[in-house]
Amino acid sequence: MNNISTSSLFKPLVKLLRRFHMTFFIVILAACLGYAVMAFTTMLNQSSTDTTYTSPISAGSIDQATLERIKSLHTSDEVVPAATNPAGRINPFSE
């Protein structure tokens, strides 16, 4: 019978790994990154199963000072007053 040693069995495999080790590394790395992206996307798309959660923040709990500040803001259809520079200063961005 032929006496086949274990080193002769692994020679083609070692030769293949020496030649294509960088290619194998890049393919495995790309596959792992693809799996991570798909797993993360799946995790983000899953709906929450906890339907008993209630937010501790009340929708109508705003203080009067904040409400007055919101009301004092101008709307987008109003004319905004021109900005003025402090005395003695010039605007470097104007012509």
Protein backbone atom coordinates (compact mmCIF):
# COMPACT_ATOMS: atom_id res chain seq x y z
CA MET A 1 0.00 0.00 0.00
CA ASN A 2 0.99 3.56 -0.50
CA ASN A 3 2.08 5.34 2.62
CA ILE A 4 0.62 8.83 2.30
CA SER A 5 1.82 11.27 4.90
CA THR A 6 -0.35 14.00 6.30
CA SER A 7 1.97 16.72 5.04
CA SER A 8 1.44 15.61 1.45
CA LEU A 9 -2.33 15.77 1.97
CA PHE A 10 -2.22 19.40 3.06
CA LYS A 11 0.32 20.60 0.47
CA PRO A 12 -2.28 21.65 -2.12
CA LEU A 13 -4.30 23.42 0.56
CA VAL A 14 -1.25 25.29 1.87
CA LYS A 15 -0.27 26.23 -1.68
CA LEU A 16 -3.78 27.55 -2.31
CA LEU A 17 -3.78 29.56 0.94
CA ARG A 18 -0.37 31.07 0.20
CA ARG A 19 -1.49 32.19 -3.22
CA PHE A 20 -4.96 33.53 -2.39
CA HIS A 21 -4.75 34.49 1.29
CA MET A 22 -5.47 38.19 0.66
CA THR A 23 -8.42 37.39 -1.61
CA PHE A 24 -9.91 35.04 0.98
CA PHE A 25 -9.44 37.69 3.67
CA ILE A 26 -11.20 40.38 1.63
CA VAL A 27 -14.09 38.06 0.71
CA ILE A 28 -14.58 36.99 4.34
CA LEU A 29 -14.35 40.61 5.52
CA ALA A 30 -16.92 41.77 2.94
CA ALA A 31 -19.26 38.91 3.89
CA CYS A 32 -19.01 39.80 7.60
CA LEU A 33 -19.68 43.47 6.92
CA GLY A 34 -22.64 42.59 4.72
CA TYR A 35 -24.06 40.37 7.42
CA ALA A 36 -23.58 43.11 10.03
CA VAL A 37 -25.40 45.66 7.88
CA MET A 38 -28.27 43.28 7.17
CA ALA A 39 -28.59 42.30 10.84
CA PHE A 40 -28.54 45.95 11.92
CA THR A 41 -31.16 46.88 9.31
CA THR A 42 -33.39 44.01 10.42
CA MET A 43 -33.03 45.06 14.04
CA LEU A 44 -34.00 48.66 13.22
CA ASN A 45 -36.99 47.63 11.10
CA GLN A 46 -38.53 45.34 13.71
CA SER A 47 -41.51 46.93 15.37
CA SER A 48 -41.65 47.14 19.11
CA THR A 49 -43.76 44.44 20.72
CA ASP A 50 -44.29 46.43 23.93
CA THR A 51 -47.68 48.10 23.41
CA THR A 52 -48.13 48.97 27.09
CA TYR A 53 -45.42 51.68 27.10
CA THR A 54 -46.60 55.18 27.92
CA SER A 55 -44.35 58.21 27.68
CA PRO A 56 -43.58 60.03 30.93
CA ILE A 57 -43.79 63.36 29.08
CA SER A 58 -47.21 64.95 28.97
CA ALA A 59 -48.10 66.45 25.60
CA GLY A 60 -49.59 69.59 27.15
CA SER A 61 -46.89 70.29 29.72
CA ILE A 62 -45.30 73.53 28.49
CA ASP A 63 -44.67 76.46 30.78
CA GLN A 64 -45.97 79.96 30.07
CA ALA A 65 -42.52 81.52 29.48
CA THR A 66 -41.74 79.02 26.73
CA LEU A 67 -45.17 79.52 25.19
CA GLU A 68 -44.61 83.31 25.04
CA ARG A 69 -41.19 82.83 23.41
CA ILE A 70 -42.74 80.58 20.76
CA LYS A 71 -45.51 83.10 20.06
CA SER A 72 -42.96 85.92 19.66
CA LEU A 73 -41.19 84.13 16.80
CA HIS A 74 -41.93 85.42 13.32
CA THR A 75 -43.57 83.30 10.65
CA SER A 76 -42.00 82.58 7.29
CA ASP A 77 -44.31 85.00 5.43
CA GLU A 78 -43.33 88.00 7.61
CA VAL A 79 -40.55 90.39 6.61
CA VAL A 80 -37.48 89.93 8.76
CA PRO A 81 -35.87 93.19 9.94
CA ALA A 82 -32.39 93.85 8.56
CA ALA A 83 -29.51 92.94 10.81
CA THR A 84 -27.54 95.87 12.21
CA ASN A 85 -23.86 95.93 13.09
CA PRO A 86 -22.58 97.42 16.32
CA ALA A 87 -21.24 100.98 16.08
CA GLY A 88 -17.75 101.18 14.58
CA ARG A 89 -17.89 97.74 12.95
CA ILE A 90 -18.21 96.89 9.27
CA ASN A 91 -19.60 93.75 7.70
CA PRO A 92 -16.72 91.99 5.87
CA PHE A 93 -19.21 90.02 3.76
CA SER A 94 -21.02 93.01 2.24
CA GLU A 95 -19.89 94.73 -0.95
